[in-house]
């Protein structure tokens, strides 16, 4: 499946640097995007809205859309995050984040907001049932949280999960779970994924938080 044009722009490798709690910040996002992969961070890594807006201001001012890859932000849409979710979403609309990654909940509201300015939404799923529900919500991509993925939420072998989801979803698929080098990225592509999701590889880099 071809990637959305806004995310394919300036992408040198089919890789997304996953948003990692207490690890991913603006330094890492900017470095990744300038190196030609999609850099992301969790909104909640910034403990205040004032700080996260400063991050978005820096990211958008330092990245050049003509030469650098797209950036993205992870939002937790679970009811436990409702107090801050709308404010975080309003900021992403304000700064026109190219990619919003949604986790743990119904992404419908996020999809509507992102599509209003041309952004994309990718949703975390651990099984086919969740994939179907996210597809019905209109997401642009699915992040398959397979066995070994960060957060230890996935239990399904990627050899089973990717083909099963591909049968019910014809848009962008990202695969996560113990992918840390070019061999893993290539394997993800052969399985039928469009992008590979790498996290652990970036924990020890100098731009890590």
C-alpha atoms as a PDB file:
ATOM      1  CA  UNK A   1       0.000   0.000   0.000  1.00  0.00           C
ATOM      2  CA  UNK A   2       1.464   3.404  -0.948  1.00  0.00           C
ATOM      3  CA  UNK A   3       2.115   5.686   2.014  1.00  0.00           C
ATOM      4  CA  UNK A   4       0.155   8.926   2.369  1.00  0.00           C
ATOM      5  CA  UNK A   5       2.041  11.544   0.377  1.00  0.00           C
ATOM      6  CA  UNK A   6       2.560  13.729   3.443  1.00  0.00           C
ATOM      7  CA  UNK A   7       4.454  10.905   5.175  1.00  0.00           C
ATOM      8  CA  UNK A   8       6.305   9.567   2.138  1.00  0.00           C
ATOM      9  CA  UNK A   9       7.879  12.994   1.595  1.00  0.00           C
ATOM     10  CA  UNK A  10      11.653  12.905   2.132  1.00  0.00           C
ATOM     11  CA  UNK A  11      11.484   9.416   3.678  1.00  0.00           C
ATOM     12  CA  UNK A  12      14.820   7.683   3.081  1.00  0.00           C
ATOM     13  CA  UNK A  13      14.001   4.453   4.936  1.00  0.00           C
ATOM     14  CA  UNK A  14      10.617   2.816   5.673  1.00  0.00           C
ATOM     15  CA  UNK A  15      11.089   3.434   9.395  1.00  0.00           C
ATOM     16  CA  UNK A  16       9.236   5.224  12.175  1.00  0.00           C
ATOM     17  CA  UNK A  17      11.097   5.965  15.411  1.00  0.00           C
ATOM     18  CA  UNK A  18       8.477   4.902  17.949  1.00  0.00           C
ATOM     19  CA  UNK A  19       7.297   7.320  20.656  1.00  0.00           C
ATOM     20  CA  UNK A  20       8.864   6.065  23.881  1.00  0.00           C
ATOM     21  CA  UNK A  21       7.793   7.158  27.358  1.00  0.00           C
ATOM     22  CA  UNK A  22      10.505   9.221  29.081  1.00  0.00           C
ATOM     23  CA  UNK A  23      12.834   8.684  26.105  1.00  0.00           C
ATOM     24  CA  UNK A  24      11.521  10.501  23.026  1.00  0.00           C
ATOM     25  CA  UNK A  25      11.685  14.284  22.985  1.00  0.00           C
ATOM     26  CA  UNK A  26      12.221  17.085  20.468  1.00  0.00           C
ATOM     27  CA  UNK A  27      15.955  16.411  20.090  1.00  0.00           C
ATOM     28  CA  UNK A  28      15.280  12.829  19.014  1.00  0.00           C
ATOM     29  CA  UNK A  29      12.374  13.772  16.746  1.00  0.00           C
ATOM     30  CA  UNK A  30      14.375  16.431  14.937  1.00  0.00           C
ATOM     31  CA  UNK A  31      17.427  14.183  14.511  1.00  0.00           C
ATOM     32  CA  UNK A  32      15.316  11.349  13.117  1.00  0.00           C
ATOM     33  CA  UNK A  33      13.453  13.558  10.674  1.00  0.00           C
ATOM     34  CA  UNK A  34      16.662  15.142   9.430  1.00  0.00           C
ATOM     35  CA  UNK A  35      18.125  11.652   8.930  1.00  0.00           C
ATOM     36  CA  UNK A  36      15.170  10.673   6.751  1.00  0.00           C
ATOM     37  CA  UNK A  37      12.888   8.655   9.023  1.00  0.00           C
ATOM     38  CA  UNK A  38       9.674   9.669  10.788  1.00  0.00           C
ATOM     39  CA  UNK A  39      10.384  10.879  14.323  1.00  0.00           C
ATOM     40  CA  UNK A  40       7.706  10.771  17.015  1.00  0.00           C
ATOM     41  CA  UNK A  41       7.209  11.472  20.704  1.00  0.00           C
ATOM     42  CA  UNK A  42       4.451  10.939  23.285  1.00  0.00           C
ATOM     43  CA  UNK A  43       2.621  14.153  24.175  1.00  0.00           C
ATOM     44  CA  UNK A  44       2.678  13.090  27.825  1.00  0.00           C
ATOM     45  CA  UNK A  45       6.480  13.138  27.921  1.00  0.00           C
ATOM     46  CA  UNK A  46       5.983  16.856  28.452  1.00  0.00           C
ATOM     47  CA  UNK A  47       4.452  17.251  31.889  1.00  0.00           C
ATOM     48  CA  UNK A  48       2.710  20.498  30.998  1.00  0.00           C
ATOM     49  CA  UNK A  49       0.916  21.938  27.985  1.00  0.00           C
ATOM     50  CA  UNK A  50       3.274  24.908  28.051  1.00  0.00           C
ATOM     51  CA  UNK A  51       6.283  22.625  27.659  1.00  0.00           C
ATOM     52  CA  UNK A  52       4.785  20.472  24.929  1.00  0.00           C
ATOM     53  CA  UNK A  53       3.872  23.581  22.939  1.00  0.00           C
ATOM     54  CA  UNK A  54       7.464  24.750  23.239  1.00  0.00           C
ATOM     55  CA  UNK A  55       8.500  21.380  21.809  1.00  0.00           C
ATOM     56  CA  UNK A  56       6.144  21.736  18.846  1.00  0.00           C
ATOM     57  CA  UNK A  57       7.349  25.274  18.216  1.00  0.00           C
ATOM     58  CA  UNK A  58      10.923  24.046  18.135  1.00  0.00           C
ATOM     59  CA  UNK A  59      10.167  21.024  15.934  1.00  0.00           C
ATOM     60  CA  UNK A  60       8.249  23.039  13.361  1.00  0.00           C
ATOM     61  CA  UNK A  61      10.847  25.820  13.300  1.00  0.00           C
ATOM     62  CA  UNK A  62      13.874  23.536  12.960  1.00  0.00           C
ATOM     63  CA  UNK A  63      12.484  21.064  10.436  1.00  0.00           C
ATOM     64  CA  UNK A  64      12.407  21.949   6.754  1.00  0.00           C
ATOM     65  CA  UNK A  65       9.414  20.380   4.949  1.00  0.00           C
ATOM     66  CA  UNK A  66      11.366  20.534   1.700  1.00  0.00           C
ATOM     67  CA  UNK A  67      14.172  18.291   2.924  1.00  0.00           C
ATOM     68  CA  UNK A  68      13.203  16.594   6.213  1.00  0.00           C
ATOM     69  CA  UNK A  69      10.878  13.684   6.933  1.00  0.00           C
ATOM     70  CA  UNK A  70       7.552  14.089   8.718  1.00  0.00           C
ATOM     71  CA  UNK A  71       7.074  14.130  12.507  1.00  0.00           C
ATOM     72  CA  UNK A  72       4.376  12.771  14.756  1.00  0.00           C
ATOM     73  CA  UNK A  73       2.941  12.630  18.265  1.00  0.00           C
ATOM     74  CA  UNK A  74       1.370   9.824  20.278  1.00  0.00           C
ATOM     75  CA  UNK A  75      -1.899  10.520  22.114  1.00  0.00           C
ATOM     76  CA  UNK A  76      -3.430   8.214  24.711  1.00  0.00           C
ATOM     77  CA  UNK A  77      -7.173   8.297  24.013  1.00  0.00           C
ATOM     78  CA  UNK A  78      -8.163   6.184  27.015  1.00  0.00           C
ATOM     79  CA  UNK A  79     -10.646   7.747  29.456  1.00  0.00           C
ATOM     80  CA  UNK A  80      -7.872   8.034  32.048  1.00  0.00           C
ATOM     81  CA  UNK A  81      -6.340  10.793  29.885  1.00  0.00           C
ATOM     82  CA  UNK A  82      -9.506  12.748  29.158  1.00  0.00           C
ATOM     83  CA  UNK A  83      -8.472  15.723  31.297  1.00  0.00           C
ATOM     84  CA  UNK A  84      -5.613  16.601  28.959  1.00  0.00           C
ATOM     85  CA  UNK A  85      -6.515  14.871  25.693  1.00  0.00           C
ATOM     86  CA  UNK A  86      -8.565  17.671  24.121  1.00  0.00           C
ATOM     87  CA  UNK A  87      -5.949  20.289  24.923  1.00  0.00           C
ATOM     88  CA  UNK A  88      -3.201  18.123  23.456  1.00  0.00           C
ATOM     89  CA  UNK A  89      -5.295  17.551  20.351  1.00  0.00           C
ATOM     90  CA  UNK A  90      -5.959  21.269  19.959  1.00  0.00           C
ATOM     91  CA  UNK A  91      -2.211  21.910  19.958  1.00  0.00           C
ATOM     92  CA  UNK A  92      -1.585  19.257  17.315  1.00  0.00           C
ATOM     93  CA  UNK A  93      -4.217  20.838  15.114  1.00  0.00           C
ATOM     94  CA  UNK A  94      -2.632  24.256  15.713  1.00  0.00           C
ATOM     95  CA  UNK A  95       0.813  22.998  14.672  1.00  0.00           C
ATOM     96  CA  UNK A  96      -0.584  20.694  11.969  1.00  0.00           C
ATOM     97  CA  UNK A  97       1.274  17.568  13.085  1.00  0.00           C
ATOM     98  CA  UNK A  98       1.630  15.372   9.988  1.00  0.00           C
ATOM     99  CA  UNK A  99       1.055  12.199  12.023  1.00  0.00           C
ATOM    100  CA  UNK A 100      -0.950  11.476  15.158  1.00  0.00           C
ATOM    101  CA  UNK A 101      -0.522   8.040  16.731  1.00  0.00           C
ATOM    102  CA  UNK A 102      -3.452   6.951  18.889  1.00  0.00           C
ATOM    103  CA  UNK A 103      -3.374   4.306  21.590  1.00  0.00           C
ATOM    104  CA  UNK A 104      -5.871   2.584  23.896  1.00  0.00           C
ATOM    105  CA  UNK A 105      -9.293   3.805  22.864  1.00  0.00           C
ATOM    106  CA  UNK A 106     -11.568   5.011  20.079  1.00  0.00           C
ATOM    107  CA  UNK A 107      -9.646   7.198  17.583  1.00  0.00           C
ATOM    108  CA  UNK A 108     -12.728   8.563  15.773  1.00  0.00           C
ATOM    109  CA  UNK A 109     -12.510  12.057  17.256  1.00  0.00           C
ATOM    110  CA  UNK A 110      -8.776  12.256  16.561  1.00  0.00           C
ATOM    111  CA  UNK A 111      -9.286  11.166  12.955  1.00  0.00           C
ATOM    112  CA  UNK A 112     -11.813  13.939  12.368  1.00  0.00           C
ATOM    113  CA  UNK A 113      -9.484  16.557  13.828  1.00  0.00           C
ATOM    114  CA  UNK A 114      -6.400  15.371  11.921  1.00  0.00           C
ATOM    115  CA  UNK A 115      -8.196  15.106   8.608  1.00  0.00           C
ATOM    116  CA  UNK A 116      -9.453  18.678   9.021  1.00  0.00           C
ATOM    117  CA  UNK A 117      -5.951  19.972   8.214  1.00  0.00           C
ATOM    118  CA  UNK A 118      -4.608  17.061   6.138  1.00  0.00           C
ATOM    119  CA  UNK A 119      -2.934  15.071   8.916  1.00  0.00           C
ATOM    120  CA  UNK A 120      -2.859  11.286   9.249  1.00  0.00           C
ATOM    121  CA  UNK A 121      -3.801   9.014  12.131  1.00  0.00           C
ATOM    122  CA  UNK A 122      -2.207   5.635  12.834  1.00  0.00           C
ATOM    123  CA  UNK A 123      -3.721   3.503  15.604  1.00  0.00           C
ATOM    124  CA  UNK A 124      -2.086   0.843  17.818  1.00  0.00           C
ATOM    125  CA  UNK A 125      -3.724  -2.594  17.608  1.00  0.00           C
ATOM    126  CA  UNK A 126      -2.837  -5.992  19.063  1.00  0.00           C
ATOM    127  CA  UNK A 127      -5.309  -8.197  17.180  1.00  0.00           C
ATOM    128  CA  UNK A 128      -7.578  -8.345  14.149  1.00  0.00           C
ATOM    129  CA  UNK A 129     -10.701  -7.369  16.090  1.00  0.00           C
ATOM    130  CA  UNK A 130      -9.071  -4.115  17.168  1.00  0.00           C
ATOM    131  CA  UNK A 131      -7.817  -3.585  13.608  1.00  0.00           C
ATOM    132  CA  UNK A 132     -11.337  -3.825  12.203  1.00  0.00           C
ATOM    133  CA  UNK A 133     -12.700  -1.353  14.769  1.00  0.00           C
ATOM    134  CA  UNK A 134      -9.916   1.135  14.037  1.00  0.00           C
ATOM    135  CA  UNK A 135     -10.480   0.780  10.290  1.00  0.00           C
ATOM    136  CA  UNK A 136     -14.155   1.573  10.808  1.00  0.00           C
ATOM    137  CA  UNK A 137     -13.092   4.746  12.628  1.00  0.00           C
ATOM    138  CA  UNK A 138     -11.327   5.884   9.451  1.00  0.00           C
ATOM    139  CA  UNK A 139      -7.675   5.686  10.482  1.00  0.00           C
ATOM    140  CA  UNK A 140      -5.011   6.033   7.804  1.00  0.00           C
ATOM    141  CA  UNK A 141      -2.782   3.321   9.192  1.00  0.00           C
ATOM    142  CA  UNK A 142      -2.483   0.579  11.777  1.00  0.00           C
ATOM    143  CA  UNK A 143       0.473  -0.074  14.045  1.00  0.00           C
ATOM    144  CA  UNK A 144       0.583  -3.796  14.699  1.00  0.00           C
ATOM    145  CA  UNK A 145       1.860  -4.278  18.230  1.00  0.00           C
ATOM    146  CA  UNK A 146       3.223  -7.792  17.805  1.00  0.00           C
ATOM    147  CA  UNK A 147       4.988 -10.029  20.312  1.00  0.00           C
ATOM    148  CA  UNK A 148       8.076  -8.336  21.684  1.00  0.00           C
ATOM    149  CA  UNK A 149       6.890  -4.784  21.056  1.00  0.00           C
ATOM    150  CA  UNK A 150       7.600  -2.045  23.562  1.00  0.00           C
ATOM    151  CA  UNK A 151       5.183  -1.889  26.451  1.00  0.00           C
ATOM    152  CA  UNK A 152       4.853  -5.667  26.252  1.00  0.00           C
ATOM    153  CA  UNK A 153       1.226  -5.373  25.135  1.00  0.00           C
ATOM    154  CA  UNK A 154       1.479  -7.548  22.040  1.00  0.00           C
ATOM    155  CA  UNK A 155       1.348 -11.329  22.207  1.00  0.00           C
ATOM    156  CA  UNK A 156       0.737 -12.385  18.597  1.00  0.00           C
ATOM    157  CA  UNK A 157       3.535 -13.567  16.341  1.00  0.00           C
ATOM    158  CA  UNK A 158       4.054 -11.069  13.483  1.00  0.00           C
ATOM    159  CA  UNK A 159       4.109 -13.919  10.956  1.00  0.00           C
ATOM    160  CA  UNK A 160       0.449 -14.463  11.797  1.00  0.00           C
ATOM    161  CA  UNK A 161      -0.633 -10.912  12.613  1.00  0.00           C
ATOM    162  CA  UNK A 162       0.491  -9.055   9.484  1.00  0.00           C
ATOM    163  CA  UNK A 163      -1.177 -11.358   6.919  1.00  0.00           C
ATOM    164  CA  UNK A 164      -4.379 -11.539   8.963  1.00  0.00           C
ATOM    165  CA  UNK A 165      -4.668  -7.758   9.274  1.00  0.00           C
ATOM    166  CA  UNK A 166      -3.743  -7.242   5.627  1.00  0.00           C
ATOM    167  CA  UNK A 167      -6.804  -9.273   4.655  1.00  0.00           C
ATOM    168  CA  UNK A 168      -9.100  -6.729   6.323  1.00  0.00           C
ATOM    169  CA  UNK A 169      -7.125  -3.475   5.895  1.00  0.00           C
ATOM    170  CA  UNK A 170      -5.752  -2.058   2.649  1.00  0.00           C
ATOM    171  CA  UNK A 171      -4.123   1.116   3.987  1.00  0.00           C
ATOM    172  CA  UNK A 172      -0.745   1.630   5.654  1.00  0.00           C
ATOM    173  CA  UNK A 173       0.510  -1.015   8.086  1.00  0.00           C
ATOM    174  CA  UNK A 174       3.406  -0.543  10.519  1.00  0.00           C
ATOM    175  CA  UNK A 175       4.940  -3.522  12.251  1.00  0.00           C
ATOM    176  CA  UNK A 176       6.478  -3.355  15.724  1.00  0.00           C
ATOM    177  CA  UNK A 177       8.195  -5.964  17.846  1.00  0.00           C
ATOM    178  CA  UNK A 178      11.946  -6.532  18.226  1.00  0.00           C
ATOM    179  CA  UNK A 179      12.873  -4.737  14.997  1.00  0.00           C
ATOM    180  CA  UNK A 180      16.243  -3.054  15.420  1.00  0.00           C
ATOM    181  CA  UNK A 181      18.223  -3.272  12.168  1.00  0.00           C
ATOM    182  CA  UNK A 182      17.962  -3.424   8.394  1.00  0.00           C
ATOM    183  CA  UNK A 183      17.245  -7.140   8.377  1.00  0.00           C
ATOM    184  CA  UNK A 184      14.219  -6.595  10.588  1.00  0.00           C
ATOM    185  CA  UNK A 185      13.002  -3.707   8.450  1.00  0.00           C
ATOM    186  CA  UNK A 186      13.326  -5.843   5.320  1.00  0.00           C
ATOM    187  CA  UNK A 187      11.509  -8.742   7.004  1.00  0.00           C
ATOM    188  CA  UNK A 188       8.635  -6.450   7.942  1.00  0.00           C
ATOM    189  CA  UNK A 189       8.319  -5.374   4.313  1.00  0.00           C
ATOM    190  CA  UNK A 190       8.386  -8.962   3.056  1.00  0.00           C
ATOM    191  CA  UNK A 191       5.606  -9.871   5.509  1.00  0.00           C
ATOM    192  CA  UNK A 192       3.427  -7.166   3.984  1.00  0.00           C
ATOM    193  CA  UNK A 193       4.005  -4.163   6.252  1.00  0.00           C
ATOM    194  CA  UNK A 194       4.679  -0.753   4.741  1.00  0.00           C
ATOM    195  CA  UNK A 195       6.782   0.611   7.595  1.00  0.00           C
ATOM    196  CA  UNK A 196       8.822  -0.750  10.474  1.00  0.00           C
ATOM    197  CA  UNK A 197       8.487   0.663  13.986  1.00  0.00           C
ATOM    198  CA  UNK A 198      11.797   0.883  15.871  1.00  0.00           C
ATOM    199  CA  UNK A 199      12.101   1.937  19.495  1.00  0.00           C
ATOM    200  CA  UNK A 200      14.810   0.310  21.605  1.00  0.00           C
ATOM    201  CA  UNK A 201      17.488   1.137  19.043  1.00  0.00           C
ATOM    202  CA  UNK A 202      17.096   4.827  19.870  1.00  0.00           C
ATOM    203  CA  UNK A 203      17.183   4.668  23.672  1.00  0.00           C
ATOM    204  CA  UNK A 204      20.959   5.020  23.950  1.00  0.00           C
ATOM    205  CA  UNK A 205      21.492   7.726  21.333  1.00  0.00           C
ATOM    206  CA  UNK A 206      22.761  11.131  22.461  1.00  0.00           C
ATOM    207  CA  UNK A 207      19.422  12.777  21.557  1.00  0.00           C
ATOM    208  CA  UNK A 208      17.478  10.483  23.908  1.00  0.00           C
ATOM    209  CA  UNK A 209      15.909  11.992  27.017  1.00  0.00           C
END
